[in-house]
Amino acid sequence: MAKNLSKIAKQKKIKYFLISFVDFFGVLRSKLVPSQAINDMQKNGAGFAGFATWLDMTPADSDMFAIPDPESLIQLPWNKEIGWLASDLWMNGKQVKASPRVILKNQIQQLNKKNLNMKSGVECEYFLVTPDGSNIADSRDNQSKPCYDQSALMRRYDLIKEICDSMIELGWNPYQNDHEDANGQFEMNWEYDDSLVTADRHVFFKFMVKSLAEKHGLRATFMPKPFENLTGNGCHAHVSLWNGKNNKFLDTGDRYGLSKMAYHFVGGILKNAKSLSSFFNPTINSYRRINAPATKSGATWSPSSISYTGNNRTHMIRIPDPGRFELRLMDGSTNPYLLQAGIMAAGLYGLDNKVDPGEPLSCNMYTDYKNYPNLERLPNDIEESLDELDENKIIRSSFGDDVINSYIKLKRKEIEDFDQNENFDKKRPITDWEKLNTLDC
């Protein structure tokens, strides 16, 4: 039986609810609903005009309704009068197929048919920048190799503590916070969970970091590449499949600790990597991070080729420990729900077809990729990744033609808008259009 949000509001003294959903482009959309109206909203949903968001609809379409999932409720630690809710979209009595959360739930159902459940964790990197987004906020954070810099980390202690304390209060079990490889860049890690829980928390984490940064007079950005000479914002995912308490990816007899099932799952991702890039690297700016030249620190830490390895961070997929793998392709602009759904769809294909990923490589892929001429490279731009998606029958079959066609249509409109205003060249400075449209992704 679903939780009664009206009763919870009285118990927790919640005065308002943010009924929220994420559109195709990862934009968080919400309505602020007084608690006295939450009973009706829990039953019938909050109304939205789809055309007003990044969903492929017209002004003539019926209203869509965001029906909140009471299991997703998060009481804002910094403003306990407000409860946040993730929602699924409905229209004319049917779920909206293009609702990213619905897309993920459909993939979860396909895995459940095999008595499997995907657990995942995400590493969300972000920059703390000046309010106008022009520079990093800490002018003293200027080392050429600033990763793990204690002084720069502690100068942001008040903000990082507030974010981490919030995660502790919410029961996310955060376990480390660090200064990342770029000046002004940070990462905060919390415990992995079921894929839907992780996706909801990923959405909320980005909202929380931005909100608390603003409270402290700063601006947080998950933009893939806000500065040419600095490492970009990745969003690595750690993945495993479970049956109850049994990790089906774990095989202690394997040299890397992975089962045959895990290798087939990896094979499915490798086969579909170019198409998945359209979801995992969804912005024009994303491709300044992919296949990028070395940064100030000496390495981009982002993949360039479609390969996998053991504990080696120069490849697209890394196996850091037995029983799981890390996918390093995604960046900070990825849609949290499409991230999880894309991994699942490709992995399911790998399982169903027992896809062989081939032998892992142990080389430094940044310097030795030329020694592997048959190894496929990742797309150079968003147009290439969309072309790959357009032709991909596997992802089309998983997500549905309507969903894929709508996503490609909206993304190509975005590219047209960019082309009318700017000229994209990885060797040229990051454009004003990129910053205007991606700093708050």
Protein backbone atom coordinates (compact mmCIF):
# COMPACT_ATOMS: atom_id res chain seq x y z
CA MET A 1 0.00 0.00 0.00
CA ALA A 2 1.35 3.41 -0.99
CA LYS A 3 2.42 5.82 1.72
CA ASN A 4 -0.13 8.52 2.55
CA LEU A 5 1.63 11.78 1.76
CA SER A 6 -0.94 13.86 3.64
CA LYS A 7 -0.27 11.96 6.87
CA ILE A 8 3.48 12.15 6.30
CA ALA A 9 3.20 15.91 5.83
CA LYS A 10 1.56 16.28 9.24
CA GLN A 11 4.08 13.98 10.92
CA LYS A 12 7.11 15.68 9.38
CA LYS A 13 5.63 19.22 9.37
CA ILE A 14 5.97 19.51 5.59
CA LYS A 15 4.10 22.56 4.32
CA TYR A 16 4.85 22.21 0.58
CA PHE A 17 5.78 19.50 -1.88
CA LEU A 18 7.87 19.85 -5.03
CA ILE A 19 6.24 17.45 -7.50
CA SER A 20 9.03 16.97 -10.01
CA PHE A 21 10.02 15.22 -13.20
CA VAL A 22 12.98 15.30 -15.55
CA ASP A 23 12.46 15.91 -19.28
CA PHE A 24 14.49 14.49 -22.18
CA PHE A 25 17.27 17.07 -21.74
CA GLY A 26 17.61 16.36 -18.02
CA VAL A 27 15.93 19.61 -16.94
CA LEU A 28 14.22 19.27 -13.55
CA ARG A 29 10.62 20.51 -13.80
CA SER A 30 8.39 21.03 -10.74
CA LYS A 31 5.26 22.44 -9.22
CA LEU A 32 5.17 23.65 -5.64
CA VAL A 33 2.06 22.18 -4.02
CA PRO A 34 0.72 23.06 -0.54
CA SER A 35 0.37 20.02 1.69
CA GLN A 36 -3.40 20.53 1.97
CA ALA A 37 -3.68 19.66 -1.74
CA ILE A 38 -1.32 16.66 -1.78
CA ASN A 39 -4.07 14.01 -1.48
CA ASP A 40 -5.50 14.93 -4.88
CA MET A 41 -2.03 15.28 -6.39
CA GLN A 42 -1.00 11.85 -5.13
CA LYS A 43 -4.06 10.34 -6.81
CA ASN A 44 -4.36 12.39 -10.01
CA GLY A 45 -1.02 14.14 -10.43
CA ALA A 46 0.08 17.73 -11.04
CA GLY A 47 -0.73 19.08 -14.50
CA PHE A 48 1.94 20.25 -16.96
CA ALA A 49 1.93 21.39 -20.60
CA GLY A 50 4.37 19.02 -22.33
CA PHE A 51 5.20 21.44 -25.12
CA ALA A 52 6.60 23.87 -22.52
CA THR A 53 9.34 21.34 -21.66
CA TRP A 54 11.91 19.34 -23.63
CA LEU A 55 9.45 16.66 -24.65
CA ASP A 56 8.27 16.16 -28.23
CA MET A 57 4.76 17.58 -27.88
CA THR A 58 2.69 20.39 -29.38
CA PRO A 59 0.58 23.14 -27.77
CA ALA A 60 -2.49 21.18 -28.92
CA ASP A 61 -1.59 18.10 -26.85
CA SER A 62 -3.54 17.32 -23.70
CA ASP A 63 -2.04 18.16 -20.34
CA MET A 64 0.25 15.55 -18.90
CA PHE A 65 0.13 14.73 -15.21
CA ALA A 66 3.10 14.07 -12.95
CA ILE A 67 2.01 11.43 -10.45
CA PRO A 68 4.46 11.43 -7.54
CA ASP A 69 6.12 8.29 -6.22
CA PRO A 70 5.74 8.48 -2.42
CA GLU A 71 8.73 6.13 -2.01
CA SER A 72 10.95 8.84 -3.52
CA LEU A 73 10.06 11.49 -0.92
CA ILE A 74 13.00 13.56 0.31
CA GLN A 75 12.50 16.25 2.93
CA LEU A 76 14.89 19.07 2.07
CA PRO A 77 17.55 19.06 4.84
CA TRP A 78 18.12 22.81 4.39
CA ASN A 79 14.40 23.65 4.34
CA LYS A 80 12.33 21.03 6.13
CA GLU A 81 9.05 22.72 5.20
CA ILE A 82 9.49 21.26 1.70
CA GLY A 83 9.29 17.66 0.52
CA TRP A 84 10.66 16.67 -2.92
CA LEU A 85 9.00 13.93 -4.98
CA ALA A 86 10.05 12.20 -8.19
CA SER A 87 7.15 11.55 -10.53
CA ASP A 88 6.06 9.54 -13.55
CA LEU A 89 4.25 11.27 -16.41
CA TRP A 90 0.76 10.28 -17.57
CA MET A 91 -1.42 11.59 -20.40
CA ASN A 92 -4.97 10.56 -21.31
CA GLY A 93 -4.85 7.74 -18.80
CA LYS A 94 -1.62 6.23 -20.13
CA GLN A 95 1.99 6.57 -19.09
CA VAL A 96 4.03 8.91 -21.28
CA LYS A 97 6.49 6.63 -23.05
CA ALA A 98 9.03 9.44 -23.35
CA SER A 99 9.07 10.12 -19.61
CA PRO A 100 12.70 9.29 -18.70
CA ARG A 101 11.72 7.77 -15.36
CA VAL A 102 9.14 5.59 -17.13
CA ILE A 103 11.78 4.53 -19.68
CA LEU A 104 14.02 3.38 -16.82
CA LYS A 105 11.19 1.55 -15.05
CA ASN A 106 10.39 -0.31 -18.26
CA GLN A 107 14.00 -1.51 -18.49
CA ILE A 108 13.91 -2.55 -14.85
CA GLN A 109 10.84 -4.69 -15.63
CA GLN A 110 12.74 -6.43 -18.44
CA LEU A 111 15.58 -7.28 -16.05
CA ASN A 112 13.12 -8.41 -13.38
CA LYS A 113 11.74 -10.98 -15.84
CA LYS A 114 15.15 -12.64 -15.58
CA ASN A 115 14.98 -12.43 -11.77
CA LEU A 116 17.71 -9.82 -11.89
CA ASN A 117 18.06 -6.36 -10.39
CA MET A 118 20.70 -3.79 -11.30
CA LYS A 119 22.45 -1.95 -8.51
CA SER A 120 24.53 1.09 -9.30
CA GLY A 121 26.40 4.01 -7.87
CA VAL A 122 27.37 7.27 -9.57
CA GLU A 123 30.34 9.61 -9.17
CA CYS A 124 29.07 13.13 -9.78
CA GLU A 125 31.84 15.63 -10.47
CA TYR A 126 31.14 19.37 -10.38
CA PHE A 127 32.92 22.72 -10.41
CA LEU A 128 32.40 25.54 -7.95
CA VAL A 129 32.52 28.71 -10.01
CA THR A 130 31.82 32.41 -9.73
CA PRO A 131 28.13 33.39 -10.01
CA ASP A 132 28.62 34.46 -13.65
CA GLY A 133 30.32 31.16 -14.46
CA SER A 134 33.41 32.79 -15.93
CA ASN A 135 36.04 31.42 -13.50
CA ILE A 136 36.51 28.92 -10.72
CA ALA A 137 35.46 30.44 -7.41
CA ASP A 138 38.74 29.85 -5.55
CA SER A 139 41.56 31.90 -7.11
CA ARG A 140 44.08 30.20 -4.79
CA ASP A 141 43.22 26.79 -6.26
CA ASN A 142 45.88 26.95 -8.97
CA GLN A 143 48.12 23.88 -8.74
CA SER A 144 48.91 22.09 -11.99
CA LYS A 145 47.98 18.81 -10.26
CA PRO A 146 45.30 19.85 -7.75
CA CYS A 147 43.69 16.43 -7.26
CA TYR A 148 43.15 15.60 -3.55
CA ASP A 149 44.53 19.02 -2.55
CA GLN A 150 43.67 19.24 1.15
CA SER A 151 43.95 23.03 1.41
CA ALA A 152 41.61 23.70 -1.50
CA LEU A 153 39.20 21.06 -0.17
CA MET A 154 39.12 22.60 3.29
CA ARG A 155 38.59 26.13 1.98
CA ARG A 156 35.21 24.80 0.86
CA TYR A 157 34.61 22.88 4.08
CA ASP A 158 31.43 24.73 5.10
CA LEU A 159 29.66 23.97 1.83
CA ILE A 160 30.94 20.40 1.44
CA LYS A 161 30.09 19.64 5.06
CA GLU A 162 26.53 20.89 4.57
CA ILE A 163 26.05 18.73 1.46
CA CYS A 164 27.59 15.67 3.12
CA ASP A 165 25.64 16.19 6.36
CA SER A 166 22.49 16.34 4.26
CA MET A 167 23.29 13.00 2.64
CA ILE A 168 24.00 11.48 6.06
CA GLU A 169 20.67 12.77 7.34
CA LEU A 170 18.88 11.32 4.31
CA GLY A 171 20.43 7.89 4.85
CA TRP A 172 22.45 7.81 1.64
CA ASN A 173 25.60 6.67 3.48
CA PRO A 174 28.14 9.03 1.88
CA TYR A 175 31.67 7.81 2.40
CA GLN A 176 34.11 10.32 0.90
CA ASN A 177 34.48 13.84 -0.46
CA ASP A 178 37.47 14.99 -2.46
CA HIS A 179 38.99 17.67 -4.61
CA GLU A 180 39.06 16.31 -8.14
CA ASP A 181 41.62 16.57 -10.97
CA ALA A 182 40.70 20.08 -12.12
CA ASN A 183 41.10 23.32 -10.22
CA GLY A 184 37.79 24.15 -8.56
CA GLN A 185 36.40 20.63 -9.11
CA PHE A 186 34.95 18.31 -6.46
CA GLU A 187 33.35 14.89 -6.13
CA MET A 188 31.19 13.38 -3.39
CA ASN A 189 30.41 9.68 -3.22
CA TRP A 190 27.53 7.87 -1.57
CA GLU A 191 26.58 4.20 -1.33
CA TYR A 192 25.22 2.32 -4.33
CA ASP A 193 21.60 1.12 -4.40
CA ASP A 194 18.90 -0.16 -6.75
CA SER A 195 19.10 1.68 -10.07
CA LEU A 196 15.83 3.64 -9.65
CA VAL A 197 16.81 4.78 -6.17
CA THR A 198 20.23 5.85 -7.46
CA ALA A 199 18.66 7.73 -10.39
CA ASP A 200 16.23 9.62 -8.11
CA ARG A 201 19.07 10.49 -5.74
CA HIS A 202 21.25 11.57 -8.65
CA VAL A 203 18.54 14.03 -9.73
CA PHE A 204 18.16 15.35 -6.21
CA PHE A 205 21.93 15.52 -5.62
CA LYS A 206 22.40 17.90 -8.52
CA PHE A 207 19.53 20.07 -7.27
CA MET A 208 20.94 20.01 -3.73
CA VAL A 209 24.50 20.90 -4.72
CA LYS A 210 23.35 23.80 -6.89
CA SER A 211 20.97 25.07 -4.17
CA LEU A 212 23.49 24.91 -1.34
CA ALA A 213 26.27 26.40 -3.48
CA GLU A 214 23.99 29.36 -4.21
CA LYS A 215 23.26 29.66 -0.49
CA HIS A 216 27.02 30.04 0.05
CA GLY A 217 27.35 32.70 -2.67
CA LEU A 218 28.76 30.30 -5.27
CA ARG A 219 27.57 28.51 -8.39
CA ALA A 220 27.90 24.78 -8.94
CA THR A 221 28.07 23.43 -12.48
CA PHE A 222 27.99 19.87 -13.82
CA MET A 223 28.76 21.14 -17.34
CA PRO A 224 30.96 18.57 -19.12
CA LYS A 225 33.74 20.98 -20.09
CA PRO A 226 33.38 24.52 -18.70
CA PHE A 227 37.10 25.33 -19.09
CA GLU A 228 39.30 24.36 -22.06
CA ASN A 229 42.48 23.63 -20.13
CA LEU A 230 40.91 21.73 -17.22
CA THR A 231 39.60 18.20 -16.84
CA GLY A 232 35.87 17.95 -17.55
CA ASN A 233 33.05 16.75 -15.33
CA GLY A 234 32.55 13.01 -15.60
CA CYS A 235 29.73 10.98 -14.10
CA HIS A 236 31.09 7.44 -13.81
CA ALA A 237 28.72 4.60 -12.95
CA HIS A 238 29.55 1.43 -11.02
CA VAL A 239 27.33 -1.47 -12.01
CA SER A 240 26.42 -4.96 -10.80
CA LEU A 241 23.47 -7.36 -11.25
CA TRP A 242 21.85 -9.11 -8.31
CA ASN A 243 19.39 -11.90 -7.56
CA GLY A 244 18.26 -11.12 -4.04
CA LYS A 245 21.47 -10.94 -1.99
CA ASN A 246 23.48 -12.80 -4.61
CA ASN A 247 25.82 -10.68 -6.73
CA LYS A 248 25.55 -12.36 -10.15
CA PHE A 249 28.59 -10.45 -11.43
CA LEU A 250 30.92 -11.96 -8.85
CA ASP A 251 33.18 -14.89 -9.69
CA THR A 252 36.14 -15.27 -7.35
CA GLY A 253 37.74 -17.76 -9.75
CA ASP A 254 38.09 -15.17 -12.53
CA ARG A 255 41.27 -13.08 -12.77
CA TYR A 256 39.21 -9.86 -12.46
CA GLY A 257 36.49 -11.35 -10.28
CA LEU A 258 33.75 -11.18 -12.91
CA SER A 259 31.27 -13.85 -13.99
CA LYS A 260 30.45 -14.82 -17.57
CA MET A 261 27.18 -12.91 -17.12
CA ALA A 262 29.16 -9.77 -16.28
CA TYR A 263 31.36 -10.13 -19.36
CA HIS A 264 28.31 -10.57 -21.61
CA PHE A 265 26.78 -7.45 -20.03
CA VAL A 266 30.00 -5.55 -20.71
CA GLY A 267 29.97 -6.87 -24.28
CA GLY A 268 26.52 -5.39 -24.84
CA ILE A 269 27.68 -1.98 -23.66
CA LEU A 270 30.79 -2.06 -25.83
CA LYS A 271 28.70 -2.97 -28.88
CA ASN A 272 26.29 -0.08 -28.30
CA ALA A 273 28.71 2.53 -26.94
CA LYS A 274 28.55 4.91 -29.92
CA SER A 275 24.76 5.10 -29.75
CA LEU A 276 24.70 5.29 -25.96
CA SER A 277 26.95 8.33 -26.18
CA SER A 278 23.91 10.30 -27.39
CA PHE A 279 22.40 9.78 -23.91
CA PHE A 280 25.58 9.63 -21.87
CA ASN A 281 27.20 12.66 -23.58
CA PRO A 282 24.06 14.52 -24.67
CA THR A 283 25.29 18.08 -25.17
CA ILE A 284 27.36 19.83 -27.81
CA ASN A 285 29.82 20.70 -25.06
CA SER A 286 30.15 17.00 -24.10
CA TYR A 287 32.48 16.36 -27.02
CA ARG A 288 35.08 18.79 -25.77
CA ARG A 289 35.59 16.20 -23.01
CA ILE A 290 35.57 13.11 -25.27
CA ASN A 291 38.70 12.62 -27.40
CA ALA A 292 40.11 15.79 -25.87
CA PRO A 293 43.79 16.83 -25.75
CA ALA A 294 45.65 16.54 -22.45
CA THR A 295 44.62 19.08 -19.83
CA LYS A 296 46.65 21.18 -17.40
CA SER A 297 47.02 18.19 -15.07
CA GLY A 298 48.39 16.01 -17.90
CA ALA A 299 45.35 13.78 -18.58
CA THR A 300 41.66 14.21 -19.38
CA TRP A 301 40.55 11.09 -17.44
CA SER A 302 37.83 10.66 -20.07
CA PRO A 303 37.71 7.79 -22.58
CA SER A 304 38.55 8.06 -26.25
CA SER A 305 38.18 4.47 -27.48
CA ILE A 306 35.65 1.70 -26.95
CA SER A 307 37.64 -0.64 -24.73
CA TYR A 308 37.69 -2.32 -21.36
CA THR A 309 40.40 -3.19 -18.87
CA GLY A 310 41.24 -4.17 -15.31
CA ASN A 311 42.10 -1.40 -12.85
CA ASN A 312 43.21 1.12 -15.49
CA ARG A 313 41.52 4.52 -15.76
CA THR A 314 42.44 5.22 -19.40
CA HIS A 315 39.74 2.89 -20.78
CA MET A 316 35.99 3.32 -21.20
CA ILE A 317 35.19 0.42 -18.87
CA ARG A 318 37.32 -0.38 -15.83
CA ILE A 319 37.08 -3.34 -13.44
CA PRO A 320 38.33 -1.86 -10.16
CA ASP A 321 37.16 -4.68 -7.88
CA PRO A 322 35.59 -8.14 -8.14
CA GLY A 323 31.84 -8.23 -8.80
CA ARG A 324 31.38 -4.86 -10.51
CA PHE A 325 32.61 -2.66 -13.32
CA GLU A 326 32.91 1.09 -13.79
CA LEU A 327 31.61 2.77 -16.95
CA ARG A 328 33.55 6.02 -17.44
CA LEU A 329 31.80 7.32 -20.55
CA MET A 330 29.11 9.55 -19.03
CA ASP A 331 29.55 13.23 -18.22
CA GLY A 332 27.82 15.64 -15.87
CA SER A 333 25.10 16.60 -18.36
CA THR A 334 23.73 13.06 -18.67
CA ASN A 335 20.06 12.48 -17.81
CA PRO A 336 20.13 10.39 -14.59
CA TYR A 337 17.30 8.13 -15.75
CA LEU A 338 18.55 7.64 -19.30
CA LEU A 339 22.00 6.88 -17.87
CA GLN A 340 20.64 3.88 -15.95
CA ALA A 341 18.20 2.87 -18.72
CA GLY A 342 20.90 2.97 -21.40
CA ILE A 343 23.25 0.75 -19.39
CA MET A 344 20.41 -1.68 -18.77
CA ALA A 345 19.19 -1.84 -22.38
CA ALA A 346 22.67 -2.49 -23.77
CA GLY A 347 23.51 -4.93 -21.01
CA LEU A 348 20.29 -6.88 -21.57
CA TYR A 349 21.21 -7.25 -25.21
CA GLY A 350 24.59 -8.55 -24.14
CA LEU A 351 22.97 -11.11 -21.83
CA ASP A 352 20.40 -12.27 -24.37
CA ASN A 353 22.99 -12.69 -27.12
CA LYS A 354 25.94 -13.77 -24.97
CA VAL A 355 28.06 -11.01 -26.50
CA ASP A 356 31.78 -11.63 -26.16
CA PRO A 357 33.59 -8.42 -25.15
CA GLY A 358 36.93 -9.81 -26.33
CA GLU A 359 40.11 -9.70 -24.31
CA PRO A 360 40.65 -6.77 -21.92
CA LEU A 361 43.53 -4.44 -22.68
CA SER A 362 46.14 -3.32 -20.17
CA CYS A 363 47.81 -0.54 -22.17
CA ASN A 364 47.73 3.21 -21.57
CA MET A 365 44.94 3.94 -24.02
CA TYR A 366 45.79 7.66 -24.11
CA THR A 367 49.21 6.96 -25.61
CA ASP A 368 48.92 3.50 -27.17
CA TYR A 369 45.58 3.65 -29.02
CA LYS A 370 47.44 3.88 -32.35
CA ASN A 371 48.70 0.35 -31.72
CA TYR A 372 45.11 -0.88 -31.98
CA PRO A 373 43.90 0.39 -35.38
CA ASN A 374 40.85 -1.90 -35.34
CA LEU A 375 39.63 -0.53 -32.03
CA GLU A 376 36.63 1.74 -32.53
CA ARG A 377 36.80 5.33 -31.35
CA LEU A 378 33.99 7.18 -29.61
CA PRO A 379 31.98 9.77 -31.58
CA ASN A 380 33.59 13.12 -32.25
CA ASP A 381 30.42 15.16 -31.84
CA ILE A 382 26.75 14.96 -30.89
CA GLU A 383 25.70 14.69 -34.56
CA GLU A 384 27.74 11.51 -34.99
CA SER A 385 26.32 9.96 -31.84
CA LEU A 386 22.75 10.79 -32.93
CA ASP A 387 23.38 9.23 -36.35
CA GLU A 388 24.58 6.09 -34.57
CA LEU A 389 21.47 6.08 -32.38
CA ASP A 390 19.20 6.58 -35.38
CA GLU A 391 20.55 3.39 -36.97
CA ASN A 392 20.70 1.32 -33.79
CA LYS A 393 17.96 -1.34 -33.89
CA ILE A 394 18.91 -2.64 -30.45
CA ILE A 395 18.24 0.60 -28.56
CA ARG A 396 15.22 1.33 -30.77
CA SER A 397 13.73 -2.02 -29.82
CA SER A 398 14.38 -1.36 -26.13
CA PHE A 399 13.17 2.23 -25.88
CA GLY A 400 10.65 2.26 -28.75
CA ASP A 401 10.80 4.03 -32.11
CA ASP A 402 8.64 6.94 -30.92
CA VAL A 403 10.97 7.68 -28.02
CA ILE A 404 14.13 7.49 -30.12
CA ASN A 405 12.68 9.57 -32.97
CA SER A 406 11.49 12.26 -30.56
CA TYR A 407 14.83 12.43 -28.77
CA ILE A 408 16.76 12.73 -32.03
CA LYS A 409 14.32 15.34 -33.37
CA LEU A 410 14.70 17.57 -30.29
CA LYS A 411 18.46 17.19 -30.19
CA ARG A 412 18.81 18.11 -33.85
CA LYS A 413 16.71 21.22 -33.25
CA GLU A 414 19.14 22.15 -30.49
CA ILE A 415 22.05 21.68 -32.88
CA GLU A 416 20.32 23.94 -35.43
CA ASP A 417 19.94 26.62 -32.76
CA PHE A 418 23.62 26.37 -31.95
CA ASP A 419 24.66 26.49 -35.63
CA GLN A 420 22.71 29.71 -36.11
CA ASN A 421 24.65 31.37 -33.31
CA GLU A 422 28.09 29.79 -33.12
CA ASN A 423 30.75 27.79 -34.92
CA PHE A 424 31.85 24.68 -33.04
CA ASP A 425 35.50 23.76 -33.10
CA LYS A 426 37.23 21.81 -30.32
CA LYS A 427 40.37 23.85 -30.92
CA ARG A 428 38.54 27.15 -30.39
CA PRO A 429 37.41 28.58 -27.03
CA ILE A 430 34.19 27.36 -25.45
CA THR A 431 31.36 29.39 -26.93
CA ASP A 432 28.93 31.69 -25.15
CA TRP A 433 26.08 29.46 -26.40
CA GLU A 434 27.60 26.44 -24.69
CA LYS A 435 27.91 28.23 -21.38
CA LEU A 436 24.44 29.77 -21.58
CA ASN A 437 22.82 26.42 -22.40
CA THR A 438 24.97 24.01 -20.39
CA LEU A 439 26.29 25.67 -17.21
CA ASP A 440 23.11 24.75 -15.35
CA CYS A 441 22.57 21.32 -16.94
